[in-house]
Amino acid sequence: MSIPQELQSSLENSQGFRIQSSRPIGGGCIHNAQELITDRGSYFLKYNHLSALDNFQAEEKGIGILAEAASIRTPRMIGAGESESHAYLLMEFILSRPKTKDYWEDFGQKLALLHLNSQESFGLDHDNFIGALPQSNQQRDNWNDFFKEERIGPMLQQAIRKGHFSENIWEDFENLYQKLPDTFPQESPSLLHGDLWGGNILADDKGLVCIID
């Protein structure tokens, strides 16, 4: 499946390359994903309806924050944008290679370095998404409040509105909230990926970890 013609024209005009071919690949999850082979090399493209622009812009910011931490490789962001009918995110294409024998050890060390990045409050200066669901990141002074008010609470409210749970579920969660201070130790804020699973990482051309999403 090739990309829509109007999207191809928009990308070529804005980026100054010519797309020679494209192929669908994994990694888009809720979006369409393609490798673009151009006269200036290969790029990774995710695209969807125009309504996905906020999602792509938030992902671009998130990858940028991880890149600034300089502990784990991330693809170079070309940028989020829109054509007449589609929103997209364009980035460096990183070809997946076999893992080195010390891949996971190296990954663990780099992840620990990432987590050493801290700030005064828990949260971000902007909201983002978990999949297609909006995710609030209002800053809080402690982790328990952030976990309740910015993670569990909003997801639970959405589940109730959609009929997956009744309002009575709040009582169970209030009981859970009472246990949080004894569950989570007091720690300083730490820079986390937030959605780190096998589909969001790969081994790069050197066989080392790269976070791609």
C-alpha atoms as a PDB file:
ATOM      1  CA  MET A   1       0.000   0.000   0.000  1.00  0.00           C
ATOM      2  CA  SER A   2       1.449   3.359  -1.012  1.00  0.00           C
ATOM      3  CA  ILE A   3       0.763   6.621   0.784  1.00  0.00           C
ATOM      4  CA  PRO A   4      -2.029   8.903  -0.475  1.00  0.00           C
ATOM      5  CA  GLN A   5      -0.977  11.029  -3.433  1.00  0.00           C
ATOM      6  CA  GLU A   6      -1.841  14.355  -1.802  1.00  0.00           C
ATOM      7  CA  LEU A   7       0.242  13.419   1.259  1.00  0.00           C
ATOM      8  CA  GLN A   8       3.153  12.411  -0.965  1.00  0.00           C
ATOM      9  CA  SER A   9       3.005  15.730  -2.810  1.00  0.00           C
ATOM     10  CA  SER A  10       2.855  17.681   0.446  1.00  0.00           C
ATOM     11  CA  LEU A  11       5.874  15.837   1.879  1.00  0.00           C
ATOM     12  CA  GLU A  12       7.907  16.287  -1.280  1.00  0.00           C
ATOM     13  CA  ASN A  13       7.119  19.997  -1.428  1.00  0.00           C
ATOM     14  CA  SER A  14       7.860  20.649   2.239  1.00  0.00           C
ATOM     15  CA  GLN A  15      10.934  18.424   2.589  1.00  0.00           C
ATOM     16  CA  GLY A  16      12.538  18.898  -0.812  1.00  0.00           C
ATOM     17  CA  PHE A  17      12.997  15.193  -1.548  1.00  0.00           C
ATOM     18  CA  ARG A  18      11.392  12.906  -4.111  1.00  0.00           C
ATOM     19  CA  ILE A  19       9.721   9.709  -2.921  1.00  0.00           C
ATOM     20  CA  GLN A  20      10.853   6.820  -5.090  1.00  0.00           C
ATOM     21  CA  SER A  21       8.884   4.092  -3.302  1.00  0.00           C
ATOM     22  CA  SER A  22       7.307   3.219   0.040  1.00  0.00           C
ATOM     23  CA  ARG A  23       6.445   0.096   1.956  1.00  0.00           C
ATOM     24  CA  PRO A  24       4.178  -0.536   4.960  1.00  0.00           C
ATOM     25  CA  ILE A  25       5.994  -1.560   8.129  1.00  0.00           C
ATOM     26  CA  GLY A  26       5.144  -2.223  11.762  1.00  0.00           C
ATOM     27  CA  GLY A  27       5.448   0.430  14.412  1.00  0.00           C
ATOM     28  CA  GLY A  28       2.453   2.607  13.698  1.00  0.00           C
ATOM     29  CA  CYS A  29       0.090   0.881  16.139  1.00  0.00           C
ATOM     30  CA  ILE A  30      -3.051   3.065  15.859  1.00  0.00           C
ATOM     31  CA  HIS A  31      -1.562   4.900  12.848  1.00  0.00           C
ATOM     32  CA  ASN A  32      -0.430   3.974   9.354  1.00  0.00           C
ATOM     33  CA  ALA A  33       3.337   3.446   9.147  1.00  0.00           C
ATOM     34  CA  GLN A  34       5.564   3.434   6.077  1.00  0.00           C
ATOM     35  CA  GLU A  35       9.212   3.459   5.161  1.00  0.00           C
ATOM     36  CA  LEU A  36       9.744   6.140   2.538  1.00  0.00           C
ATOM     37  CA  ILE A  37      12.607   5.526   0.121  1.00  0.00           C
ATOM     38  CA  THR A  38      13.603   8.879  -1.315  1.00  0.00           C
ATOM     39  CA  ASP A  39      16.406  10.403  -3.330  1.00  0.00           C
ATOM     40  CA  ARG A  40      17.850  11.566   0.013  1.00  0.00           C
ATOM     41  CA  GLY A  41      17.635   8.245   1.855  1.00  0.00           C
ATOM     42  CA  SER A  42      14.968   6.480   3.898  1.00  0.00           C
ATOM     43  CA  TYR A  43      12.515   8.005   6.373  1.00  0.00           C
ATOM     44  CA  PHE A  44       9.919   6.623   8.766  1.00  0.00           C
ATOM     45  CA  LEU A  45       6.443   8.084   8.299  1.00  0.00           C
ATOM     46  CA  LYS A  46       3.376   7.766  10.508  1.00  0.00           C
ATOM     47  CA  TYR A  47       0.141   9.290   9.281  1.00  0.00           C
ATOM     48  CA  ASN A  48      -3.561   9.390  10.031  1.00  0.00           C
ATOM     49  CA  HIS A  49      -6.556  11.693   9.802  1.00  0.00           C
ATOM     50  CA  LEU A  50      -6.031  15.396  10.489  1.00  0.00           C
ATOM     51  CA  SER A  51      -7.410  14.932  14.006  1.00  0.00           C
ATOM     52  CA  ALA A  52      -4.219  13.005  14.884  1.00  0.00           C
ATOM     53  CA  LEU A  53      -1.988  16.096  14.584  1.00  0.00           C
ATOM     54  CA  ASP A  54      -2.053  16.780  18.344  1.00  0.00           C
ATOM     55  CA  ASN A  55      -1.032  13.170  18.958  1.00  0.00           C
ATOM     56  CA  PHE A  56       1.914  13.435  16.574  1.00  0.00           C
ATOM     57  CA  GLN A  57       3.019  16.793  17.980  1.00  0.00           C
ATOM     58  CA  ALA A  58       2.986  15.354  21.509  1.00  0.00           C
ATOM     59  CA  GLU A  59       5.051  12.374  20.361  1.00  0.00           C
ATOM     60  CA  GLU A  60       7.560  14.694  18.724  1.00  0.00           C
ATOM     61  CA  LYS A  61       7.916  16.607  22.016  1.00  0.00           C
ATOM     62  CA  GLY A  62       8.269  13.378  23.986  1.00  0.00           C
ATOM     63  CA  ILE A  63      10.980  11.950  21.759  1.00  0.00           C
ATOM     64  CA  GLY A  64      12.701  15.328  21.945  1.00  0.00           C
ATOM     65  CA  ILE A  65      12.795  15.189  25.748  1.00  0.00           C
ATOM     66  CA  LEU A  66      14.309  11.700  25.636  1.00  0.00           C
ATOM     67  CA  ALA A  67      16.856  12.839  23.059  1.00  0.00           C
ATOM     68  CA  GLU A  68      17.912  15.776  25.247  1.00  0.00           C
ATOM     69  CA  ALA A  69      18.631  13.349  28.087  1.00  0.00           C
ATOM     70  CA  ALA A  70      21.256  11.780  25.776  1.00  0.00           C
ATOM     71  CA  SER A  71      21.236   8.374  27.456  1.00  0.00           C
ATOM     72  CA  ILE A  72      19.378   6.198  24.921  1.00  0.00           C
ATOM     73  CA  ARG A  73      19.377   6.656  21.166  1.00  0.00           C
ATOM     74  CA  THR A  74      16.197   7.990  19.574  1.00  0.00           C
ATOM     75  CA  PRO A  75      15.449   8.653  15.904  1.00  0.00           C
ATOM     76  CA  ARG A  76      16.056  12.188  14.682  1.00  0.00           C
ATOM     77  CA  MET A  77      12.736  13.983  14.371  1.00  0.00           C
ATOM     78  CA  ILE A  78      12.019  15.681  11.046  1.00  0.00           C
ATOM     79  CA  GLY A  79       8.730  16.955  12.411  1.00  0.00           C
ATOM     80  CA  ALA A  80       4.962  16.672  12.692  1.00  0.00           C
ATOM     81  CA  GLY A  81       2.806  18.367  10.104  1.00  0.00           C
ATOM     82  CA  GLU A  82      -0.302  18.171   7.991  1.00  0.00           C
ATOM     83  CA  SER A  83      -1.312  17.931   4.372  1.00  0.00           C
ATOM     84  CA  GLU A  84      -4.732  18.670   2.938  1.00  0.00           C
ATOM     85  CA  SER A  85      -6.270  15.516   4.384  1.00  0.00           C
ATOM     86  CA  HIS A  86      -3.733  13.918   6.715  1.00  0.00           C
ATOM     87  CA  ALA A  87      -1.594  14.577   9.769  1.00  0.00           C
ATOM     88  CA  TYR A  88       1.825  12.969   9.907  1.00  0.00           C
ATOM     89  CA  LEU A  89       5.051  12.521  11.813  1.00  0.00           C
ATOM     90  CA  LEU A  90       8.261  12.136   9.836  1.00  0.00           C
ATOM     91  CA  MET A  91      11.507  10.925  11.367  1.00  0.00           C
ATOM     92  CA  GLU A  92      14.792   9.201  10.698  1.00  0.00           C
ATOM     93  CA  PHE A  93      14.432   5.590   9.567  1.00  0.00           C
ATOM     94  CA  ILE A  94      16.486   3.212  11.696  1.00  0.00           C
ATOM     95  CA  LEU A  95      16.996  -0.253  10.263  1.00  0.00           C
ATOM     96  CA  SER A  96      16.615  -2.950  12.894  1.00  0.00           C
ATOM     97  CA  ARG A  97      19.601  -5.264  13.313  1.00  0.00           C
ATOM     98  CA  PRO A  98      20.331  -8.308  15.516  1.00  0.00           C
ATOM     99  CA  LYS A  99      20.947  -7.505  19.181  1.00  0.00           C
ATOM    100  CA  THR A 100      24.456  -7.632  20.591  1.00  0.00           C
ATOM    101  CA  LYS A 101      25.102 -10.227  23.294  1.00  0.00           C
ATOM    102  CA  ASP A 102      25.124  -7.518  25.980  1.00  0.00           C
ATOM    103  CA  TYR A 103      22.066  -5.712  24.564  1.00  0.00           C
ATOM    104  CA  TRP A 104      19.903  -6.018  27.673  1.00  0.00           C
ATOM    105  CA  GLU A 105      22.696  -5.140  30.088  1.00  0.00           C
ATOM    106  CA  ASP A 106      23.512  -2.058  28.027  1.00  0.00           C
ATOM    107  CA  PHE A 107      19.795  -1.195  27.849  1.00  0.00           C
ATOM    108  CA  GLY A 108      19.472  -1.429  31.638  1.00  0.00           C
ATOM    109  CA  GLN A 109      22.444   0.841  32.207  1.00  0.00           C
ATOM    110  CA  LYS A 110      21.158   3.432  29.758  1.00  0.00           C
ATOM    111  CA  LEU A 111      17.679   3.277  31.246  1.00  0.00           C
ATOM    112  CA  ALA A 112      19.159   3.912  34.698  1.00  0.00           C
ATOM    113  CA  LEU A 113      20.933   6.984  33.319  1.00  0.00           C
ATOM    114  CA  LEU A 114      17.655   8.208  31.845  1.00  0.00           C
ATOM    115  CA  HIS A 115      15.985   7.879  35.236  1.00  0.00           C
ATOM    116  CA  LEU A 116      18.654  10.053  36.867  1.00  0.00           C
ATOM    117  CA  ASN A 117      17.114  13.074  35.121  1.00  0.00           C
ATOM    118  CA  SER A 118      14.889  14.861  37.612  1.00  0.00           C
ATOM    119  CA  GLN A 119      12.975  18.076  38.311  1.00  0.00           C
ATOM    120  CA  GLU A 120      11.073  19.651  41.206  1.00  0.00           C
ATOM    121  CA  SER A 121       7.597  18.278  40.409  1.00  0.00           C
ATOM    122  CA  PHE A 122       5.994  15.158  38.962  1.00  0.00           C
ATOM    123  CA  GLY A 123       4.537  15.854  35.518  1.00  0.00           C
ATOM    124  CA  LEU A 124       5.323  17.793  32.363  1.00  0.00           C
ATOM    125  CA  ASP A 125       4.803  21.259  30.953  1.00  0.00           C
ATOM    126  CA  HIS A 126       2.390  19.797  28.366  1.00  0.00           C
ATOM    127  CA  ASP A 127      -0.221  17.061  28.088  1.00  0.00           C
ATOM    128  CA  ASN A 128       0.179  14.060  25.805  1.00  0.00           C
ATOM    129  CA  PHE A 129      -1.534  10.790  24.898  1.00  0.00           C
ATOM    130  CA  ILE A 130      -1.611   7.152  25.878  1.00  0.00           C
ATOM    131  CA  GLY A 131      -2.476   5.547  22.553  1.00  0.00           C
ATOM    132  CA  ALA A 132      -5.349   7.688  21.279  1.00  0.00           C
ATOM    133  CA  LEU A 133      -6.497   8.730  24.768  1.00  0.00           C
ATOM    134  CA  PRO A 134      -5.591  12.227  26.011  1.00  0.00           C
ATOM    135  CA  GLN A 135      -3.328  12.134  29.065  1.00  0.00           C
ATOM    136  CA  SER A 136      -3.046  15.009  31.534  1.00  0.00           C
ATOM    137  CA  ASN A 137       0.374  15.832  32.971  1.00  0.00           C
ATOM    138  CA  GLN A 138      -0.466  18.609  35.412  1.00  0.00           C
ATOM    139  CA  GLN A 139       2.464  18.899  37.792  1.00  0.00           C
ATOM    140  CA  ARG A 140       2.064  17.598  41.360  1.00  0.00           C
ATOM    141  CA  ASP A 141       4.303  17.801  44.410  1.00  0.00           C
ATOM    142  CA  ASN A 142       4.321  14.061  45.136  1.00  0.00           C
ATOM    143  CA  TRP A 143       3.979  10.833  43.207  1.00  0.00           C
ATOM    144  CA  ASN A 144       0.878   9.550  44.989  1.00  0.00           C
ATOM    145  CA  ASP A 145      -1.138  12.630  44.016  1.00  0.00           C
ATOM    146  CA  PHE A 146       0.156  12.489  40.454  1.00  0.00           C
ATOM    147  CA  PHE A 147      -0.658   8.772  40.180  1.00  0.00           C
ATOM    148  CA  LYS A 148      -4.204   9.338  41.482  1.00  0.00           C
ATOM    149  CA  GLU A 149      -5.113  12.593  39.756  1.00  0.00           C
ATOM    150  CA  GLU A 150      -3.234  12.368  36.456  1.00  0.00           C
ATOM    151  CA  ARG A 151      -3.163   8.643  35.729  1.00  0.00           C
ATOM    152  CA  ILE A 152      -5.673   6.383  37.487  1.00  0.00           C
ATOM    153  CA  GLY A 153      -8.461   8.912  38.079  1.00  0.00           C
ATOM    154  CA  PRO A 154      -8.894  10.198  34.495  1.00  0.00           C
ATOM    155  CA  MET A 155      -8.790   6.673  33.034  1.00  0.00           C
ATOM    156  CA  LEU A 156     -11.337   5.486  35.577  1.00  0.00           C
ATOM    157  CA  GLN A 157     -13.650   8.399  34.762  1.00  0.00           C
ATOM    158  CA  GLN A 158     -13.515   7.540  31.074  1.00  0.00           C
ATOM    159  CA  ALA A 159     -14.244   3.877  31.800  1.00  0.00           C
ATOM    160  CA  ILE A 160     -17.285   4.851  33.863  1.00  0.00           C
ATOM    161  CA  ARG A 161     -18.582   7.227  31.173  1.00  0.00           C
ATOM    162  CA  LYS A 162     -18.323   4.437  28.601  1.00  0.00           C
ATOM    163  CA  GLY A 163     -20.236   2.030  30.821  1.00  0.00           C
ATOM    164  CA  HIS A 164     -17.380  -0.333  31.654  1.00  0.00           C
ATOM    165  CA  PHE A 165     -17.808   0.289  35.417  1.00  0.00           C
ATOM    166  CA  SER A 166     -20.490   1.699  37.688  1.00  0.00           C
ATOM    167  CA  GLU A 167     -19.946   4.713  39.948  1.00  0.00           C
ATOM    168  CA  ASN A 168     -19.593   2.279  42.864  1.00  0.00           C
ATOM    169  CA  ILE A 169     -16.094   1.432  41.654  1.00  0.00           C
ATOM    170  CA  TRP A 170     -14.849   4.707  43.172  1.00  0.00           C
ATOM    171  CA  GLU A 171     -15.138   3.253  46.676  1.00  0.00           C
ATOM    172  CA  ASP A 172     -12.776   0.410  45.783  1.00  0.00           C
ATOM    173  CA  PHE A 173     -10.264   2.838  44.366  1.00  0.00           C
ATOM    174  CA  GLU A 174     -10.491   5.131  47.373  1.00  0.00           C
ATOM    175  CA  ASN A 175      -9.483   2.133  49.469  1.00  0.00           C
ATOM    176  CA  LEU A 176      -6.573   1.554  47.091  1.00  0.00           C
ATOM    177  CA  TYR A 177      -5.512   5.194  47.326  1.00  0.00           C
ATOM    178  CA  GLN A 178      -5.251   4.901  51.103  1.00  0.00           C
ATOM    179  CA  LYS A 179      -2.596   2.229  50.638  1.00  0.00           C
ATOM    180  CA  LEU A 180      -0.422   4.171  48.200  1.00  0.00           C
ATOM    181  CA  PRO A 181       1.777   5.940  50.800  1.00  0.00           C
ATOM    182  CA  ASP A 182       2.835   2.531  52.136  1.00  0.00           C
ATOM    183  CA  THR A 183       3.255   1.117  48.612  1.00  0.00           C
ATOM    184  CA  PHE A 184       5.405   3.718  46.878  1.00  0.00           C
ATOM    185  CA  PRO A 185       8.572   4.976  48.581  1.00  0.00           C
ATOM    186  CA  GLN A 186       9.305   8.693  48.700  1.00  0.00           C
ATOM    187  CA  GLU A 187      11.409   9.392  45.628  1.00  0.00           C
ATOM    188  CA  SER A 188      12.384  12.427  43.595  1.00  0.00           C
ATOM    189  CA  PRO A 189      10.733  12.839  40.182  1.00  0.00           C
ATOM    190  CA  SER A 190      12.425  10.747  37.509  1.00  0.00           C
ATOM    191  CA  LEU A 191      12.294  11.002  33.726  1.00  0.00           C
ATOM    192  CA  LEU A 192      10.338   7.972  32.470  1.00  0.00           C
ATOM    193  CA  HIS A 193       9.392   6.806  29.014  1.00  0.00           C
ATOM    194  CA  GLY A 194       5.864   6.053  30.178  1.00  0.00           C
ATOM    195  CA  ASP A 195       5.017   3.365  27.606  1.00  0.00           C
ATOM    196  CA  LEU A 196       8.139   1.247  27.372  1.00  0.00           C
ATOM    197  CA  TRP A 197       7.462  -2.159  25.818  1.00  0.00           C
ATOM    198  CA  GLY A 198       8.951  -4.326  23.086  1.00  0.00           C
ATOM    199  CA  GLY A 199       7.084  -2.569  20.285  1.00  0.00           C
ATOM    200  CA  ASN A 200       8.692   0.774  21.139  1.00  0.00           C
ATOM    201  CA  ILE A 201      12.329  -0.330  21.020  1.00  0.00           C
ATOM    202  CA  LEU A 202      14.643  -1.984  18.513  1.00  0.00           C
ATOM    203  CA  ALA A 203      18.321  -2.804  18.026  1.00  0.00           C
ATOM    204  CA  ASP A 204      19.955  -0.232  15.762  1.00  0.00           C
ATOM    205  CA  ASP A 205      22.728  -0.652  13.179  1.00  0.00           C
ATOM    206  CA  LYS A 206      25.191  -1.327  16.012  1.00  0.00           C
ATOM    207  CA  GLY A 207      22.886  -3.839  17.686  1.00  0.00           C
ATOM    208  CA  LEU A 208      22.207  -1.462  20.596  1.00  0.00           C
ATOM    209  CA  VAL A 209      18.910  -0.220  21.957  1.00  0.00           C
ATOM    210  CA  CYS A 210      16.985   2.583  20.275  1.00  0.00           C
ATOM    211  CA  ILE A 211      13.658   3.952  21.532  1.00  0.00           C
ATOM    212  CA  ILE A 212      11.521   4.609  18.466  1.00  0.00           C
ATOM    213  CA  ASP A 213       8.126   5.621  19.924  1.00  0.00           C
END
